[in-house]
N, C-alpha and C. Protein backbone atom coordinates (compact mmCIF):
# COMPACT_ATOMS: atom_id res chain seq x y z
N UNK A 1 93.53 92.78 95.59
CA UNK A 1 92.58 92.42 94.55
C UNK A 1 92.56 90.89 94.41
N UNK A 2 91.39 90.34 94.33
CA UNK A 2 91.27 88.89 94.21
C UNK A 2 90.99 88.51 92.76
N UNK A 3 91.43 87.33 92.39
CA UNK A 3 91.24 86.85 91.02
C UNK A 3 89.85 86.23 90.86
N UNK A 4 89.51 85.90 89.64
CA UNK A 4 88.22 85.29 89.35
C UNK A 4 88.09 83.93 90.03
N UNK A 5 89.16 83.15 90.01
CA UNK A 5 89.14 81.84 90.68
C UNK A 5 88.96 81.98 92.18
N UNK A 6 89.65 82.94 92.76
CA UNK A 6 89.52 83.17 94.19
C UNK A 6 88.11 83.64 94.54
N UNK A 7 87.55 84.50 93.69
CA UNK A 7 86.19 84.99 93.91
C UNK A 7 85.20 83.83 93.86
N UNK A 8 85.36 82.92 92.92
CA UNK A 8 84.47 81.76 92.81
C UNK A 8 84.58 80.89 94.06
N UNK A 9 85.80 80.69 94.55
CA UNK A 9 86.01 79.90 95.77
C UNK A 9 85.31 80.57 96.96
N UNK A 10 85.46 81.88 97.08
CA UNK A 10 84.84 82.62 98.18
C UNK A 10 83.32 82.62 98.09
N UNK A 11 82.79 82.66 96.87
CA UNK A 11 81.33 82.57 96.70
C UNK A 11 80.81 81.24 97.23
N UNK A 12 81.56 80.17 96.97
CA UNK A 12 81.18 78.85 97.48
C UNK A 12 81.19 78.82 99.00
N UNK A 13 82.19 79.42 99.60
CA UNK A 13 82.25 79.48 101.07
C UNK A 13 81.12 80.33 101.64
N UNK A 14 80.76 81.38 100.93
CA UNK A 14 79.74 82.32 101.42
C UNK A 14 78.35 81.70 101.42
N UNK A 15 78.13 80.65 100.65
CA UNK A 15 76.82 80.01 100.64
C UNK A 15 76.39 79.53 102.02
N UNK A 16 77.35 79.09 102.82
CA UNK A 16 77.06 78.54 104.14
C UNK A 16 77.04 79.60 105.24
N UNK A 17 77.47 80.81 104.92
CA UNK A 17 77.58 81.87 105.93
C UNK A 17 76.25 82.60 106.06
N UNK A 18 75.71 82.73 107.28
CA UNK A 18 74.48 83.50 107.45
C UNK A 18 74.78 85.01 107.36
N UNK A 19 73.76 85.80 107.06
CA UNK A 19 73.93 87.25 107.03
C UNK A 19 74.23 87.74 108.45
N UNK A 20 75.31 88.47 108.58
CA UNK A 20 75.78 88.91 109.89
C UNK A 20 75.13 90.23 110.31
N UNK A 21 74.96 91.13 109.36
CA UNK A 21 74.39 92.45 109.64
C UNK A 21 73.29 92.78 108.65
N UNK A 22 72.51 93.81 109.00
CA UNK A 22 71.47 94.32 108.11
C UNK A 22 71.66 95.82 107.96
N UNK A 23 71.46 96.30 106.75
CA UNK A 23 71.48 97.74 106.49
C UNK A 23 70.03 98.16 106.29
N UNK A 24 69.58 99.10 107.10
CA UNK A 24 68.20 99.56 107.04
C UNK A 24 68.11 101.00 106.60
N UNK A 25 67.08 101.68 107.05
CA UNK A 25 66.84 103.05 106.62
C UNK A 25 67.90 104.03 107.14
N UNK A 26 68.63 103.65 108.19
CA UNK A 26 69.69 104.51 108.70
C UNK A 26 70.92 104.49 107.81
N UNK A 27 71.03 103.49 106.95
CA UNK A 27 72.15 103.42 106.02
C UNK A 27 73.45 103.01 106.69
N UNK A 28 74.54 103.50 106.13
CA UNK A 28 75.88 103.15 106.61
C UNK A 28 76.45 104.36 107.35
N UNK A 29 76.75 104.17 108.64
CA UNK A 29 77.34 105.24 109.43
C UNK A 29 78.70 104.77 109.97
N UNK A 30 79.35 105.62 110.72
CA UNK A 30 80.69 105.30 111.24
C UNK A 30 80.67 104.06 112.13
N UNK A 31 79.66 103.92 112.94
CA UNK A 31 79.56 102.77 113.83
C UNK A 31 79.42 101.48 113.03
N UNK A 32 78.60 101.51 111.98
CA UNK A 32 78.40 100.33 111.14
C UNK A 32 79.71 99.96 110.42
N UNK A 33 80.44 100.96 109.97
CA UNK A 33 81.73 100.71 109.31
C UNK A 33 82.70 100.07 110.29
N UNK A 34 82.73 100.56 111.52
CA UNK A 34 83.63 99.99 112.55
C UNK A 34 83.25 98.53 112.83
N UNK A 35 81.95 98.25 112.97
CA UNK A 35 81.50 96.87 113.22
C UNK A 35 81.87 95.96 112.06
N UNK A 36 81.71 96.45 110.84
CA UNK A 36 82.04 95.66 109.66
C UNK A 36 83.54 95.38 109.61
N UNK A 37 84.35 96.38 109.90
CA UNK A 37 85.81 96.19 109.89
C UNK A 37 86.22 95.17 110.95
N UNK A 38 85.62 95.24 112.12
CA UNK A 38 85.93 94.28 113.19
C UNK A 38 85.51 92.86 112.80
N UNK A 39 84.33 92.74 112.18
CA UNK A 39 83.83 91.43 111.75
C UNK A 39 84.73 90.84 110.67
N UNK A 40 85.19 91.68 109.75
CA UNK A 40 86.08 91.19 108.69
C UNK A 40 87.42 90.74 109.27
N UNK A 41 87.90 91.42 110.28
CA UNK A 41 89.16 91.02 110.91
C UNK A 41 89.00 89.66 111.60
N UNK A 42 87.84 89.44 112.20
CA UNK A 42 87.60 88.20 112.93
C UNK A 42 87.25 87.04 112.00
N UNK A 43 86.49 87.30 110.93
CA UNK A 43 85.95 86.22 110.10
C UNK A 43 86.49 86.17 108.68
N UNK A 44 86.96 87.28 108.16
CA UNK A 44 87.47 87.45 106.79
C UNK A 44 86.38 87.48 105.72
N UNK A 45 85.30 86.75 105.89
CA UNK A 45 84.23 86.68 104.90
C UNK A 45 82.90 86.92 105.61
N UNK A 46 82.18 87.98 105.21
CA UNK A 46 80.91 88.28 105.85
C UNK A 46 79.83 88.55 104.80
N UNK A 47 78.61 88.25 105.20
CA UNK A 47 77.44 88.49 104.35
C UNK A 47 76.56 89.52 105.05
N UNK A 48 76.05 90.47 104.27
CA UNK A 48 75.22 91.55 104.81
C UNK A 48 73.93 91.61 104.00
N UNK A 49 72.81 91.78 104.69
CA UNK A 49 71.50 91.89 104.05
C UNK A 49 71.09 93.35 104.03
N UNK A 50 70.69 93.84 102.86
CA UNK A 50 70.19 95.20 102.71
C UNK A 50 68.66 95.13 102.70
N UNK A 51 68.05 95.74 103.70
CA UNK A 51 66.59 95.70 103.82
C UNK A 51 65.92 96.56 102.74
N UNK A 52 64.67 96.26 102.46
CA UNK A 52 63.92 97.03 101.47
C UNK A 52 63.74 98.49 101.89
N UNK A 53 63.76 98.75 103.19
CA UNK A 53 63.58 100.12 103.68
C UNK A 53 64.85 100.96 103.54
N UNK A 54 65.97 100.36 103.16
CA UNK A 54 67.22 101.09 103.02
C UNK A 54 67.12 102.07 101.86
N UNK A 55 67.84 103.16 101.96
CA UNK A 55 67.81 104.20 100.94
C UNK A 55 68.86 103.96 99.85
N UNK A 56 69.44 102.77 99.83
CA UNK A 56 70.44 102.44 98.82
C UNK A 56 70.26 100.99 98.39
N UNK A 57 70.81 100.67 97.23
CA UNK A 57 70.74 99.29 96.75
C UNK A 57 71.88 98.49 97.36
N UNK A 58 71.82 97.19 97.22
CA UNK A 58 72.88 96.34 97.75
C UNK A 58 74.21 96.63 97.04
N UNK A 59 74.17 96.91 95.75
CA UNK A 59 75.39 97.21 95.00
C UNK A 59 76.03 98.52 95.49
N UNK A 60 75.21 99.54 95.74
CA UNK A 60 75.72 100.81 96.26
C UNK A 60 76.31 100.62 97.66
N UNK A 61 75.61 99.86 98.49
CA UNK A 61 76.10 99.59 99.85
C UNK A 61 77.41 98.83 99.81
N UNK A 62 77.52 97.84 98.92
CA UNK A 62 78.75 97.06 98.81
C UNK A 62 79.92 97.94 98.41
N UNK A 63 79.71 98.81 97.45
CA UNK A 63 80.78 99.71 97.02
C UNK A 63 81.23 100.64 98.12
N UNK A 64 80.27 101.23 98.82
CA UNK A 64 80.59 102.16 99.90
C UNK A 64 81.32 101.46 101.05
N UNK A 65 80.82 100.29 101.45
CA UNK A 65 81.46 99.56 102.55
C UNK A 65 82.84 99.06 102.16
N UNK A 66 82.98 98.54 100.95
CA UNK A 66 84.28 98.02 100.51
C UNK A 66 85.33 99.13 100.52
N UNK A 67 84.96 100.32 100.05
CA UNK A 67 85.90 101.44 100.07
C UNK A 67 86.24 101.83 101.50
N UNK A 68 85.24 101.87 102.38
CA UNK A 68 85.44 102.33 103.75
C UNK A 68 86.34 101.40 104.56
N UNK A 69 86.23 100.09 104.34
CA UNK A 69 87.00 99.14 105.15
C UNK A 69 88.16 98.50 104.39
N UNK A 70 88.28 98.79 103.11
CA UNK A 70 89.38 98.23 102.31
C UNK A 70 89.17 96.76 101.98
N UNK A 71 87.93 96.36 101.75
CA UNK A 71 87.61 94.96 101.46
C UNK A 71 87.34 94.78 99.97
N UNK A 72 87.28 93.52 99.56
CA UNK A 72 86.91 93.15 98.20
C UNK A 72 85.46 92.71 98.19
N UNK A 73 84.73 93.10 97.15
CA UNK A 73 83.36 92.65 96.97
C UNK A 73 83.41 91.28 96.30
N UNK A 74 82.87 90.28 96.97
CA UNK A 74 82.85 88.92 96.41
C UNK A 74 81.65 88.78 95.50
N UNK A 75 80.46 89.16 95.98
CA UNK A 75 79.26 89.09 95.15
C UNK A 75 78.16 89.95 95.73
N UNK A 76 77.26 90.33 94.85
CA UNK A 76 76.03 91.02 95.24
C UNK A 76 74.90 90.30 94.51
N UNK A 77 74.01 89.70 95.28
CA UNK A 77 72.86 88.99 94.70
C UNK A 77 71.61 89.47 95.43
N UNK A 78 70.68 90.02 94.68
CA UNK A 78 69.44 90.51 95.28
C UNK A 78 69.72 91.55 96.33
N UNK A 79 69.32 91.28 97.56
CA UNK A 79 69.52 92.21 98.67
C UNK A 79 70.69 91.81 99.57
N UNK A 80 71.50 90.88 99.12
CA UNK A 80 72.62 90.42 99.95
C UNK A 80 73.95 90.75 99.26
N UNK A 81 74.94 91.05 100.09
CA UNK A 81 76.27 91.30 99.57
C UNK A 81 77.28 90.55 100.42
N UNK A 82 78.37 90.16 99.80
CA UNK A 82 79.42 89.41 100.49
C UNK A 82 80.73 90.17 100.31
N UNK A 83 81.43 90.39 101.44
CA UNK A 83 82.71 91.08 101.44
C UNK A 83 83.80 90.17 101.98
N UNK A 84 85.02 90.36 101.47
CA UNK A 84 86.17 89.59 101.94
C UNK A 84 87.33 90.55 102.19
N UNK A 85 88.00 90.34 103.29
CA UNK A 85 89.24 91.05 103.57
C UNK A 85 90.14 90.12 104.36
N UNK A 86 91.35 89.94 103.90
CA UNK A 86 92.29 89.06 104.58
C UNK A 86 92.60 89.61 105.97
N UNK A 87 92.50 88.76 106.97
CA UNK A 87 92.75 89.15 108.34
C UNK A 87 94.26 89.24 108.60
N UNK A 88 94.64 90.21 109.40
CA UNK A 88 96.06 90.35 109.73
C UNK A 88 96.47 89.43 110.87
N UNK A 89 95.57 89.19 111.82
CA UNK A 89 95.91 88.43 113.02
C UNK A 89 95.17 87.10 113.15
N UNK A 90 94.14 86.87 112.33
CA UNK A 90 93.29 85.71 112.50
C UNK A 90 92.98 85.06 111.16
N UNK A 91 94.02 84.71 110.41
CA UNK A 91 93.83 84.20 109.05
C UNK A 91 93.20 82.83 109.08
N UNK A 92 92.02 82.70 108.41
CA UNK A 92 91.29 81.44 108.35
C UNK A 92 91.17 80.89 106.95
N UNK A 93 91.04 81.77 105.97
CA UNK A 93 90.79 81.35 104.59
C UNK A 93 92.09 81.43 103.80
N UNK A 94 92.45 80.33 103.19
CA UNK A 94 93.68 80.24 102.39
C UNK A 94 93.31 80.37 100.91
N UNK A 95 93.73 81.47 100.30
CA UNK A 95 93.49 81.69 98.87
C UNK A 95 94.76 81.32 98.09
N UNK A 96 94.57 80.64 96.97
CA UNK A 96 95.73 80.25 96.13
C UNK A 96 95.96 81.28 95.06
């Protein structure tokens, strides 16, 4: 679990990060969860865009993905969500 200060720091870092994946009408499946888990291991902080054609909101997608990969939700704004998970082998972001 991340603190409010850590979340604010991660939100600042996420401003510069482009959206890595898109969730469309197919929603979240096992393959998408695997890709997200791999991306979080490599980058620690990822941004995902939820398309208008998706059958879920960005908040619902963030909750489902965070549970599936064991990540923390940093923020959900509009159709974008940001997830953070500390990498075991490739630590890049230092949280205080």
